C-alpha cells in the first residue's frame, strides 16, 4: 500500500500550528516503510490554501500539532486523515509511530 504523509515544519521540527509552518515534510510510504522524503515550501497562507496544497500533493495523512477547525474540515472533505495534537518528536519517529498504529490524535494545540 502506498501513502503520502505530510507534516508541517518550522525550524526543522513539528510546527505546532499547521498554517504557520515554514515547509511541509512529505513522506512517501510503501508497504509500511518510508521510501522517500522531501521538504516543500507551502503556498502563501490564505484561507483554504494549505489544505488545498496538501491535497494537490496527493497526501493521504496530515500529522499536526495544531490546526484550525476549518482547515480540518477542508482536509477531511478531500479524504485526508488528520492526526492532531502530535507530540514534538523527530519527524521520522512521528511517521513510524503512525505506521505502527500507536500515534493517536491528542489535544489540538491551535488557538482558533
PDB file of N, CA and C in Angstrom:
ATOM      1  N   UNK A   1       0.827  -1.188   0.000  1.00  0.00           N
ATOM      2  CA  UNK A   1       0.000   0.000   0.000  1.00  0.00           C
ATOM      3  C   UNK A   1       0.871   1.251   0.000  1.00  0.00           C
ATOM      4  N   UNK A   2       0.527   2.200  -0.849  1.00  0.00           N
ATOM      5  CA  UNK A   2       1.263   3.459  -0.928  1.00  0.00           C
ATOM      6  C   UNK A   2       0.491   4.556  -0.212  1.00  0.00           C
ATOM      7  N   UNK A   3       1.240   5.418   0.465  1.00  0.00           N
ATOM      8  CA  UNK A   3       0.671   6.565   1.168  1.00  0.00           C
ATOM      9  C   UNK A   3       1.626   7.732   1.080  1.00  0.00           C
ATOM     10  N   UNK A   4       1.075   8.927   1.242  1.00  0.00           N
ATOM     11  CA  UNK A   4       1.889  10.128   1.418  1.00  0.00           C
ATOM     12  C   UNK A   4       1.436  10.783   2.714  1.00  0.00           C
ATOM     13  N   UNK A   5       2.407  11.104   3.547  1.00  0.00           N
ATOM     14  CA  UNK A   5       2.143  11.695   4.853  1.00  0.00           C
ATOM     15  C   UNK A   5       2.817  13.065   4.908  1.00  0.00           C
ATOM     16  N   UNK A   6       2.040  14.080   5.291  1.00  0.00           N
ATOM     17  CA  UNK A   6       2.552  15.445   5.391  1.00  0.00           C
ATOM     18  C   UNK A   6       2.671  15.854   6.855  1.00  0.00           C
ATOM     19  N   UNK A   7       3.746  16.594   7.155  1.00  0.00           N
ATOM     20  CA  UNK A   7       3.946  17.140   8.499  1.00  0.00           C
ATOM     21  C   UNK A   7       4.383  18.599   8.346  1.00  0.00           C
ATOM     22  N   UNK A   8       3.664  19.554   8.971  1.00  0.00           N
ATOM     23  CA  UNK A   8       4.100  20.944   8.932  1.00  0.00           C
ATOM     24  C   UNK A   8       5.364  21.124   9.779  1.00  0.00           C
ATOM     25  N   UNK A   9       6.321  21.876   9.235  1.00  0.00           N
ATOM     26  CA  UNK A   9       7.637  22.003   9.858  1.00  0.00           C
ATOM     27  C   UNK A   9       8.012  23.469  10.060  1.00  0.00           C
ATOM     28  N   UNK A  10       8.633  23.758  11.194  1.00  0.00           N
ATOM     29  CA  UNK A  10       9.248  25.060  11.472  1.00  0.00           C
ATOM     30  C   UNK A  10      10.543  24.784  12.224  1.00  0.00           C
ATOM     31  N   UNK A  11      11.590  25.411  11.806  1.00  0.00           N
ATOM     32  CA  UNK A  11      12.905  25.223  12.439  1.00  0.00           C
ATOM     33  C   UNK A  11      13.316  23.757  12.500  1.00  0.00           C
ATOM     34  N   UNK A  12      12.955  22.998  11.480  1.00  0.00           N
ATOM     35  CA  UNK A  12      13.372  21.611  11.375  1.00  0.00           C
ATOM     36  C   UNK A  12      12.599  20.627  12.236  1.00  0.00           C
ATOM     37  N   UNK A  13      11.531  21.094  12.901  1.00  0.00           N
ATOM     38  CA  UNK A  13      10.748  20.194  13.737  1.00  0.00           C
ATOM     39  C   UNK A  13       9.261  20.437  13.517  1.00  0.00           C
ATOM     40  N   UNK A  14       8.446  19.570  14.121  1.00  0.00           N
ATOM     41  CA  UNK A  14       6.999  19.701  14.006  1.00  0.00           C
ATOM     42  C   UNK A  14       6.578  21.106  14.390  1.00  0.00           C
ATOM     43  N   UNK A  15       5.844  21.760  13.502  1.00  0.00           N
ATOM     44  CA  UNK A  15       5.314  23.092  13.776  1.00  0.00           C
ATOM     45  C   UNK A  15       4.023  22.921  14.564  1.00  0.00           C
ATOM     46  N   UNK A  16       3.876  23.665  15.638  1.00  0.00           N
ATOM     47  CA  UNK A  16       2.686  23.493  16.469  1.00  0.00           C
ATOM     48  C   UNK A  16       1.437  24.078  15.819  1.00  0.00           C
ATOM     49  N   UNK A  17       1.580  24.822  14.731  1.00  0.00           N
ATOM     50  CA  UNK A  17       0.420  25.393  14.050  1.00  0.00           C
ATOM     51  C   UNK A  17       0.525  25.155  12.549  1.00  0.00           C
ATOM     52  N   UNK A  18      -0.357  24.365  12.015  1.00  0.00           N
ATOM     53  CA  UNK A  18      -0.403  23.982  10.604  1.00  0.00           C
ATOM     54  C   UNK A  18      -0.233  25.172   9.653  1.00  0.00           C
ATOM     55  N   UNK A  19      -0.998  26.219   9.853  1.00  0.00           N
ATOM     56  CA  UNK A  19      -0.998  27.351   8.933  1.00  0.00           C
ATOM     57  C   UNK A  19       0.219  28.252   9.013  1.00  0.00           C
ATOM     58  N   UNK A  20       1.044  28.090  10.034  1.00  0.00           N
ATOM     59  CA  UNK A  20       2.210  28.954  10.205  1.00  0.00           C
ATOM     60  C   UNK A  20       3.527  28.243   9.921  1.00  0.00           C
ATOM     61  N   UNK A  21       3.466  27.107   9.274  1.00  0.00           N
ATOM     62  CA  UNK A  21       4.691  26.336   9.035  1.00  0.00           C
ATOM     63  C   UNK A  21       5.569  27.004   7.978  1.00  0.00           C
ATOM     64  N   UNK A  22       6.855  26.673   8.037  1.00  0.00           N
ATOM     65  CA  UNK A  22       7.822  27.162   7.044  1.00  0.00           C
ATOM     66  C   UNK A  22       7.877  26.239   5.840  1.00  0.00           C
ATOM     67  N   UNK A  23       7.540  24.978   6.058  1.00  0.00           N
ATOM     68  CA  UNK A  23       7.606  23.965   4.999  1.00  0.00           C
ATOM     69  C   UNK A  23       6.757  22.772   5.423  1.00  0.00           C
ATOM     70  N   UNK A  24       6.569  21.867   4.479  1.00  0.00           N
ATOM     71  CA  UNK A  24       5.936  20.587   4.783  1.00  0.00           C
ATOM     72  C   UNK A  24       6.926  19.483   4.476  1.00  0.00           C
ATOM     73  N   UNK A  25       7.119  18.590   5.440  1.00  0.00           N
ATOM     74  CA  UNK A  25       7.886  17.369   5.188  1.00  0.00           C
ATOM     75  C   UNK A  25       6.887  16.370   4.617  1.00  0.00           C
ATOM     76  N   UNK A  26       7.204  15.840   3.451  1.00  0.00           N
ATOM     77  CA  UNK A  26       6.325  14.891   2.781  1.00  0.00           C
ATOM     78  C   UNK A  26       7.043  13.544   2.742  1.00  0.00           C
ATOM     79  N   UNK A  27       6.405  12.547   3.332  1.00  0.00           N
ATOM     80  CA  UNK A  27       6.965  11.198   3.384  1.00  0.00           C
ATOM     81  C   UNK A  27       6.164  10.288   2.479  1.00  0.00           C
ATOM     82  N   UNK A  28       6.842   9.629   1.560  1.00  0.00           N
ATOM     83  CA  UNK A  28       6.217   8.609   0.725  1.00  0.00           C
ATOM     84  C   UNK A  28       6.448   7.269   1.391  1.00  0.00           C
ATOM     85  N   UNK A  29       5.365   6.514   1.524  1.00  0.00           N
ATOM     86  CA  UNK A  29       5.402   5.243   2.244  1.00  0.00           C
ATOM     87  C   UNK A  29       4.887   4.144   1.320  1.00  0.00           C
ATOM     88  N   UNK A  30       5.597   3.029   1.319  1.00  0.00           N
ATOM     89  CA  UNK A  30       5.144   1.841   0.592  1.00  0.00           C
ATOM     90  C   UNK A  30       5.294   0.640   1.510  1.00  0.00           C
ATOM     91  N   UNK A  31       4.253  -0.151   1.581  1.00  0.00           N
ATOM     92  CA  UNK A  31       4.267  -1.365   2.401  1.00  0.00           C
ATOM     93  C   UNK A  31       4.739  -1.102   3.828  1.00  0.00           C
ATOM     94  N   UNK A  32       4.289   0.032   4.393  1.00  0.00           N
ATOM     95  CA  UNK A  32       4.596   0.333   5.785  1.00  0.00           C
ATOM     96  C   UNK A  32       5.986   0.860   6.056  1.00  0.00           C
ATOM     97  N   UNK A  33       6.729   1.218   4.981  1.00  0.00           N
ATOM     98  CA  UNK A  33       8.093   1.747   5.168  1.00  0.00           C
ATOM     99  C   UNK A  33       8.254   3.069   4.423  1.00  0.00           C
ATOM    100  N   UNK A  34       9.034   3.970   5.007  1.00  0.00           N
ATOM    101  CA  UNK A  34       9.345   5.239   4.346  1.00  0.00           C
ATOM    102  C   UNK A  34      10.297   4.954   3.189  1.00  0.00           C
ATOM    103  N   UNK A  35       9.906   5.366   1.978  1.00  0.00           N
ATOM    104  CA  UNK A  35      10.752   5.137   0.804  1.00  0.00           C
ATOM    105  C   UNK A  35      11.293   6.441   0.220  1.00  0.00           C
ATOM    106  N   UNK A  36      10.702   7.572   0.611  1.00  0.00           N
ATOM    107  CA  UNK A  36      11.180   8.866   0.114  1.00  0.00           C
ATOM    108  C   UNK A  36      10.714   9.953   1.067  1.00  0.00           C
ATOM    109  N   UNK A  37      11.473  11.044   1.059  1.00  0.00           N
ATOM    110  CA  UNK A  37      11.158  12.176   1.919  1.00  0.00           C
ATOM    111  C   UNK A  37      11.572  13.436   1.191  1.00  0.00           C
ATOM    112  N   UNK A  38      10.721  14.461   1.252  1.00  0.00           N
ATOM    113  CA  UNK A  38      11.083  15.744   0.661  1.00  0.00           C
ATOM    114  C   UNK A  38      10.514  16.863   1.513  1.00  0.00           C
ATOM    115  N   UNK A  39      11.112  18.028   1.384  1.00  0.00           N
ATOM    116  CA  UNK A  39      10.659  19.223   2.078  1.00  0.00           C
ATOM    117  C   UNK A  39      10.153  20.183   1.013  1.00  0.00           C
ATOM    118  N   UNK A  40       8.897  20.619   1.138  1.00  0.00           N
ATOM    119  CA  UNK A  40       8.315  21.514   0.145  1.00  0.00           C
ATOM    120  C   UNK A  40       7.822  22.787   0.818  1.00  0.00           C
ATOM    121  N   UNK A  41       7.988  23.894   0.113  1.00  0.00           N
ATOM    122  CA  UNK A  41       7.530  25.183   0.617  1.00  0.00           C
ATOM    123  C   UNK A  41       6.020  25.297   0.442  1.00  0.00           C
ATOM    124  N   UNK A  42       5.329  25.805   1.457  1.00  0.00           N
ATOM    125  CA  UNK A  42       3.882  25.958   1.343  1.00  0.00           C
ATOM    126  C   UNK A  42       3.529  27.190   0.512  1.00  0.00           C
ATOM    127  N   UNK A  43       2.286  27.265   0.067  1.00  0.00           N
ATOM    128  CA  UNK A  43       1.847  28.485  -0.598  1.00  0.00           C
ATOM    129  C   UNK A  43       1.672  29.598   0.432  1.00  0.00           C
ATOM    130  N   UNK A  44       1.424  30.785  -0.055  1.00  0.00           N
ATOM    131  CA  UNK A  44       1.126  31.905   0.832  1.00  0.00           C
ATOM    132  C   UNK A  44      -0.101  31.524   1.666  1.00  0.00           C
ATOM    133  N   UNK A  45      -0.074  31.847   2.951  1.00  0.00           N
ATOM    134  CA  UNK A  45      -1.154  31.452   3.857  1.00  0.00           C
ATOM    135  C   UNK A  45      -2.387  32.318   3.621  1.00  0.00           C
ATOM    136  N   UNK A  46      -3.380  31.702   3.016  1.00  0.00           N
ATOM    137  CA  UNK A  46      -4.697  32.304   2.839  1.00  0.00           C
ATOM    138  C   UNK A  46      -5.708  31.243   3.226  1.00  0.00           C
ATOM    139  N   UNK A  47      -6.935  31.653   3.488  1.00  0.00           N
ATOM    140  CA  UNK A  47      -7.951  30.689   3.906  1.00  0.00           C
ATOM    141  C   UNK A  47      -8.077  29.566   2.876  1.00  0.00           C
ATOM    142  N   UNK A  48      -7.869  28.349   3.329  1.00  0.00           N
ATOM    143  CA  UNK A  48      -8.015  27.170   2.487  1.00  0.00           C
ATOM    144  C   UNK A  48      -6.808  26.819   1.632  1.00  0.00           C
ATOM    145  N   UNK A  49      -5.778  27.661   1.636  1.00  0.00           N
ATOM    146  CA  UNK A  49      -4.631  27.410   0.748  1.00  0.00           C
ATOM    147  C   UNK A  49      -3.833  26.177   1.150  1.00  0.00           C
ATOM    148  N   UNK A  50      -3.580  26.004   2.420  1.00  0.00           N
ATOM    149  CA  UNK A  50      -2.753  24.875   2.856  1.00  0.00           C
ATOM    150  C   UNK A  50      -3.460  23.529   2.693  1.00  0.00           C
ATOM    151  N   UNK A  51      -4.751  23.408   3.069  1.00  0.00           N
ATOM    152  CA  UNK A  51      -5.429  22.137   2.824  1.00  0.00           C
ATOM    153  C   UNK A  51      -5.463  21.773   1.333  1.00  0.00           C
ATOM    154  N   UNK A  52      -5.717  22.762   0.480  1.00  0.00           N
ATOM    155  CA  UNK A  52      -5.741  22.504  -0.958  1.00  0.00           C
ATOM    156  C   UNK A  52      -4.362  22.038  -1.436  1.00  0.00           C
ATOM    157  N   UNK A  53      -3.316  22.665  -0.935  1.00  0.00           N
ATOM    158  CA  UNK A  53      -1.940  22.319  -1.298  1.00  0.00           C
ATOM    159  C   UNK A  53      -1.622  20.874  -0.909  1.00  0.00           C
ATOM    160  N   UNK A  54      -1.984  20.498   0.317  1.00  0.00           N
ATOM    161  CA  UNK A  54      -1.744  19.131   0.801  1.00  0.00           C
ATOM    162  C   UNK A  54      -2.484  18.128  -0.082  1.00  0.00           C
ATOM    163  N   UNK A  55      -3.707  18.449  -0.432  1.00  0.00           N
ATOM    164  CA  UNK A  55      -4.494  17.588  -1.314  1.00  0.00           C
ATOM    165  C   UNK A  55      -3.847  17.470  -2.692  1.00  0.00           C
ATOM    166  N   UNK A  56      -3.400  18.589  -3.252  1.00  0.00           N
ATOM    167  CA  UNK A  56      -2.771  18.581  -4.574  1.00  0.00           C
ATOM    168  C   UNK A  56      -1.474  17.776  -4.592  1.00  0.00           C
ATOM    169  N   UNK A  57      -0.790  17.724  -3.464  1.00  0.00           N
ATOM    170  CA  UNK A  57       0.436  16.920  -3.365  1.00  0.00           C
ATOM    171  C   UNK A  57       0.128  15.422  -3.314  1.00  0.00           C
ATOM    172  N   UNK A  58      -1.138  15.083  -3.150  1.00  0.00           N
ATOM    173  CA  UNK A  58      -1.530  13.672  -3.103  1.00  0.00           C
ATOM    174  C   UNK A  58      -1.379  13.041  -1.741  1.00  0.00           C
ATOM    175  N   UNK A  59      -1.378  13.866  -0.695  1.00  0.00           N
ATOM    176  CA  UNK A  59      -1.204  13.335   0.655  1.00  0.00           C
ATOM    177  C   UNK A  59      -2.483  12.681   1.155  1.00  0.00           C
ATOM    178  N   UNK A  60      -2.310  11.579   1.880  1.00  0.00           N
ATOM    179  CA  UNK A  60      -3.410  10.831   2.472  1.00  0.00           C
ATOM    180  C   UNK A  60      -3.589  11.151   3.947  1.00  0.00           C
ATOM    181  N   UNK A  61      -2.498  11.616   4.585  1.00  0.00           N
ATOM    182  CA  UNK A  61      -2.482  11.825   6.028  1.00  0.00           C
ATOM    183  C   UNK A  61      -1.740  13.118   6.325  1.00  0.00           C
ATOM    184  N   UNK A  62      -2.238  13.863   7.315  1.00  0.00           N
ATOM    185  CA  UNK A  62      -1.531  15.030   7.849  1.00  0.00           C
ATOM    186  C   UNK A  62      -1.331  14.785   9.330  1.00  0.00           C
ATOM    187  N   UNK A  63      -0.091  14.906   9.784  1.00  0.00           N
ATOM    188  CA  UNK A  63       0.230  14.823  11.207  1.00  0.00           C
ATOM    189  C   UNK A  63       0.572  16.237  11.654  1.00  0.00           C
ATOM    190  N   UNK A  64      -0.192  16.777  12.610  1.00  0.00           N
ATOM    191  CA  UNK A  64      -0.001  18.168  13.029  1.00  0.00           C
ATOM    192  C   UNK A  64      -0.066  18.300  14.539  1.00  0.00           C
ATOM    193  N   UNK A  65       0.533  19.370  15.022  1.00  0.00           N
ATOM    194  CA  UNK A  65       0.410  19.700  16.441  1.00  0.00           C
ATOM    195  C   UNK A  65      -0.902  20.412  16.691  1.00  0.00           C
ATOM    196  N   UNK A  66      -1.158  21.415  15.873  1.00  0.00           N
ATOM    197  CA  UNK A  66      -2.385  22.182  15.980  1.00  0.00           C
ATOM    198  C   UNK A  66      -2.869  22.588  14.608  1.00  0.00           C
ATOM    199  N   UNK A  67      -4.189  22.669  14.465  1.00  0.00           N
ATOM    200  CA  UNK A  67      -4.783  23.015  13.183  1.00  0.00           C
ATOM    201  C   UNK A  67      -6.186  23.562  13.435  1.00  0.00           C
ATOM    202  N   UNK A  68      -6.538  24.616  12.723  1.00  0.00           N
ATOM    203  CA  UNK A  68      -7.856  25.208  12.867  1.00  0.00           C
ATOM    204  C   UNK A  68      -8.958  24.269  12.405  1.00  0.00           C
ATOM    205  N   UNK A  69     -10.153  24.490  12.939  1.00  0.00           N
ATOM    206  CA  UNK A  69     -11.282  23.617  12.638  1.00  0.00           C
ATOM    207  C   UNK A  69     -11.634  23.632  11.157  1.00  0.00           C
ATOM    208  N   UNK A  70     -11.631  24.810  10.538  1.00  0.00           N
ATOM    209  CA  UNK A  70     -11.978  24.914   9.118  1.00  0.00           C
ATOM    210  C   UNK A  70     -10.971  24.141   8.260  1.00  0.00           C
ATOM    211  N   UNK A  71      -9.690  24.252   8.568  1.00  0.00           N
ATOM    212  CA  UNK A  71      -8.662  23.516   7.822  1.00  0.00           C
ATOM    213  C   UNK A  71      -8.870  22.011   7.987  1.00  0.00           C
ATOM    214  N   UNK A  72      -9.224  21.583   9.201  1.00  0.00           N
ATOM    215  CA  UNK A  72      -9.518  20.158   9.429  1.00  0.00           C
ATOM    216  C   UNK A  72     -10.675  19.703   8.551  1.00  0.00           C
ATOM    217  N   UNK A  73     -11.732  20.505   8.527  1.00  0.00           N
ATOM    218  CA  UNK A  73     -12.904  20.173   7.704  1.00  0.00           C
ATOM    219  C   UNK A  73     -12.531  20.055   6.234  1.00  0.00           C
ATOM    220  N   UNK A  74     -11.748  21.017   5.739  1.00  0.00           N
ATOM    221  CA  UNK A  74     -11.358  21.011   4.328  1.00  0.00           C
ATOM    222  C   UNK A  74     -10.528  19.776   4.003  1.00  0.00           C
ATOM    223  N   UNK A  75      -9.591  19.440   4.865  1.00  0.00           N
ATOM    224  CA  UNK A  75      -8.755  18.259   4.630  1.00  0.00           C
ATOM    225  C   UNK A  75      -9.605  16.991   4.631  1.00  0.00           C
ATOM    226  N   UNK A  76     -10.459  16.863   5.619  1.00  0.00           N
ATOM    227  CA  UNK A  76     -11.304  15.662   5.714  1.00  0.00           C
ATOM    228  C   UNK A  76     -12.219  15.551   4.504  1.00  0.00           C
ATOM    229  N   UNK A  77     -12.731  16.678   4.009  1.00  0.00           N
ATOM    230  CA  UNK A  77     -13.614  16.639   2.845  1.00  0.00           C
ATOM    231  C   UNK A  77     -12.870  16.191   1.590  1.00  0.00           C
ATOM    232  N   UNK A  78     -11.552  16.304   1.601  1.00  0.00           N
ATOM    233  CA  UNK A  78     -10.725  15.873   0.472  1.00  0.00           C
ATOM    234  C   UNK A  78     -10.139  14.475   0.700  1.00  0.00           C
ATOM    235  N   UNK A  79     -10.563  13.830   1.789  1.00  0.00           N
ATOM    236  CA  UNK A  79     -10.118  12.469   2.057  1.00  0.00           C
ATOM    237  C   UNK A  79      -8.776  12.365   2.763  1.00  0.00           C
ATOM    238  N   UNK A  80      -8.304  13.478   3.331  1.00  0.00           N
ATOM    239  CA  UNK A  80      -7.030  13.470   4.049  1.00  0.00           C
ATOM    240  C   UNK A  80      -7.314  13.226   5.534  1.00  0.00           C
ATOM    241  N   UNK A  81      -6.714  12.175   6.082  1.00  0.00           N
ATOM    242  CA  UNK A  81      -6.861  11.864   7.506  1.00  0.00           C
ATOM    243  C   UNK A  81      -5.999  12.826   8.308  1.00  0.00           C
ATOM    244  N   UNK A  82      -6.559  13.418   9.361  1.00  0.00           N
ATOM    245  CA  UNK A  82      -5.841  14.388  10.186  1.00  0.00           C
ATOM    246  C   UNK A  82      -5.571  13.795  11.557  1.00  0.00           C
ATOM    247  N   UNK A  83      -4.289  13.771  11.919  1.00  0.00           N
ATOM    248  CA  UNK A  83      -3.861  13.407  13.266  1.00  0.00           C
ATOM    249  C   UNK A  83      -3.379  14.704  13.903  1.00  0.00           C
ATOM    250  N   UNK A  84      -4.073  15.171  14.937  1.00  0.00           N
ATOM    251  CA  UNK A  84      -3.671  16.437  15.551  1.00  0.00           C
ATOM    252  C   UNK A  84      -3.210  16.212  16.973  1.00  0.00           C
ATOM    253  N   UNK A  85      -2.551  17.235  17.515  1.00  0.00           N
ATOM    254  CA  UNK A  85      -2.028  17.129  18.868  1.00  0.00           C
ATOM    255  C   UNK A  85      -0.803  16.243  18.961  1.00  0.00           C
ATOM    256  N   UNK A  86      -0.113  16.068  17.822  1.00  0.00           N
ATOM    257  CA  UNK A  86       1.083  15.212  17.808  1.00  0.00           C
ATOM    258  C   UNK A  86       2.162  15.804  18.719  1.00  0.00           C
ATOM    259  N   UNK A  87       2.915  14.948  19.394  1.00  0.00           N
ATOM    260  CA  UNK A  87       3.991  15.421  20.255  1.00  0.00           C
ATOM    261  C   UNK A  87       5.195  15.880  19.433  1.00  0.00           C
ATOM    262  N   UNK A  88       6.023  16.712  20.047  1.00  0.00           N
ATOM    263  CA  UNK A  88       7.240  17.176  19.371  1.00  0.00           C
ATOM    264  C   UNK A  88       8.297  16.081  19.448  1.00  0.00           C
ATOM    265  N   UNK A  89       8.291  15.241  18.433  1.00  0.00           N
ATOM    266  CA  UNK A  89       9.263  14.163  18.289  1.00  0.00           C
ATOM    267  C   UNK A  89       9.961  14.341  16.949  1.00  0.00           C
ATOM    268  N   UNK A  90      11.088  13.666  16.727  1.00  0.00           N
ATOM    269  CA  UNK A  90      11.684  13.699  15.388  1.00  0.00           C
ATOM    270  C   UNK A  90      10.635  13.287  14.349  1.00  0.00           C
ATOM    271  N   UNK A  91      10.665  13.933  13.198  1.00  0.00           N
ATOM    272  CA  UNK A  91       9.638  13.730  12.179  1.00  0.00           C
ATOM    273  C   UNK A  91       9.497  12.270  11.760  1.00  0.00           C
ATOM    274  N   UNK A  92      10.624  11.605  11.523  1.00  0.00           N
ATOM    275  CA  UNK A  92      10.533  10.202  11.098  1.00  0.00           C
ATOM    276  C   UNK A  92       9.939   9.331  12.206  1.00  0.00           C
ATOM    277  N   UNK A  93      10.167   9.696  13.462  1.00  0.00           N
ATOM    278  CA  UNK A  93       9.572   8.935  14.568  1.00  0.00           C
ATOM    279  C   UNK A  93       8.054   9.106  14.563  1.00  0.00           C
ATOM    280  N   UNK A  94       7.576  10.309  14.256  1.00  0.00           N
ATOM    281  CA  UNK A  94       6.131  10.525  14.159  1.00  0.00           C
ATOM    282  C   UNK A  94       5.526   9.636  13.071  1.00  0.00           C
ATOM    283  N   UNK A  95       6.193   9.595  11.917  1.00  0.00           N
ATOM    284  CA  UNK A  95       5.706   8.765  10.813  1.00  0.00           C
ATOM    285  C   UNK A  95       5.737   7.292  11.220  1.00  0.00           C
ATOM    286  N   UNK A  96       6.839   6.856  11.816  1.00  0.00           N
ATOM    287  CA  UNK A  96       6.946   5.463  12.253  1.00  0.00           C
ATOM    288  C   UNK A  96       5.846   5.104  13.249  1.00  0.00           C
ATOM    289  N   UNK A  97       5.583   6.007  14.208  1.00  0.00           N
ATOM    290  CA  UNK A  97       4.525   5.742  15.187  1.00  0.00           C
ATOM    291  C   UNK A  97       3.166   5.659  14.500  1.00  0.00           C
ATOM    292  N   UNK A  98       2.930   6.520  13.520  1.00  0.00           N
ATOM    293  CA  UNK A  98       1.672   6.453  12.779  1.00  0.00           C
ATOM    294  C   UNK A  98       1.553   5.107  12.062  1.00  0.00           C
ATOM    295  N   UNK A  99       2.617   4.700  11.396  1.00  0.00           N
ATOM    296  CA  UNK A  99       2.593   3.447  10.645  1.00  0.00           C
ATOM    297  C   UNK A  99       2.413   2.235  11.550  1.00  0.00           C
ATOM    298  N   UNK A 100       2.895   2.336  12.786  1.00  0.00           N
ATOM    299  CA  UNK A 100       2.744   1.241  13.755  1.00  0.00           C
ATOM    300  C   UNK A 100       1.373   1.270  14.433  1.00  0.00           C
ATOM    301  N   UNK A 101       0.601   2.321  14.161  1.00  0.00           N
ATOM    302  CA  UNK A 101      -0.730   2.433  14.746  1.00  0.00           C
ATOM    303  C   UNK A 101      -0.755   2.913  16.179  1.00  0.00           C
ATOM    304  N   UNK A 102       0.346   3.535  16.639  1.00  0.00           N
ATOM    305  CA  UNK A 102       0.396   3.989  18.030  1.00  0.00           C
ATOM    306  C   UNK A 102       0.331   5.511  18.173  1.00  0.00           C
ATOM    307  N   UNK A 103       0.328   6.241  17.071  1.00  0.00           N
ATOM    308  CA  UNK A 103       0.209   7.703  17.118  1.00  0.00           C
ATOM    309  C   UNK A 103      -1.275   8.045  17.045  1.00  0.00           C
ATOM    310  N   UNK A 104      -1.787   8.619  18.107  1.00  0.00           N
ATOM    311  CA  UNK A 104      -3.198   8.958  18.170  1.00  0.00           C
ATOM    312  C   UNK A 104      -3.363  10.463  18.279  1.00  0.00           C
ATOM    313  N   UNK A 105      -4.526  10.945  17.837  1.00  0.00           N
ATOM    314  CA  UNK A 105      -4.829  12.369  17.992  1.00  0.00           C
ATOM    315  C   UNK A 105      -4.890  12.713  19.465  1.00  0.00           C
ATOM    316  N   UNK A 106      -4.391  13.901  19.774  1.00  0.00           N
ATOM    317  CA  UNK A 106      -4.416  14.410  21.144  1.00  0.00           C
ATOM    318  C   UNK A 106      -5.066  15.771  21.162  1.00  0.00           C
ATOM    319  N   UNK A 107      -4.705  16.575  22.139  1.00  0.00           N
ATOM    320  CA  UNK A 107      -5.268  17.916  22.257  1.00  0.00           C
ATOM    321  C   UNK A 107      -4.734  18.803  21.139  1.00  0.00           C
ATOM    322  N   UNK A 108      -5.629  19.523  20.516  1.00  0.00           N
ATOM    323  CA  UNK A 108      -5.274  20.453  19.452  1.00  0.00           C
ATOM    324  C   UNK A 108      -4.515  21.628  20.064  1.00  0.00           C
ATOM    325  N   UNK A 109      -3.324  21.898  19.554  1.00  0.00           N
ATOM    326  CA  UNK A 109      -2.528  22.990  20.089  1.00  0.00           C
ATOM    327  C   UNK A 109      -2.751  24.291  19.329  1.00  0.00           C
ATOM    328  N   UNK A 110      -3.849  24.376  18.594  1.00  0.00           N
ATOM    329  CA  UNK A 110      -4.201  25.568  17.839  1.00  0.00           C
ATOM    330  C   UNK A 110      -5.216  26.368  18.648  1.00  0.00           C
ATOM    331  N   UNK A 111      -5.085  27.697  18.619  1.00  0.00           N
ATOM    332  CA  UNK A 111      -5.982  28.524  19.437  1.00  0.00           C
ATOM    333  C   UNK A 111      -7.158  29.104  18.647  1.00  0.00           C
ATOM    334  N   UNK A 112      -7.415  28.577  17.428  1.00  0.00           N
ATOM    335  CA  UNK A 112      -8.600  29.060  16.686  1.00  0.00           C
ATOM    336  C   UNK A 112      -9.208  27.963  15.840  1.00  0.00           C
TER     337      UNK A 112
END
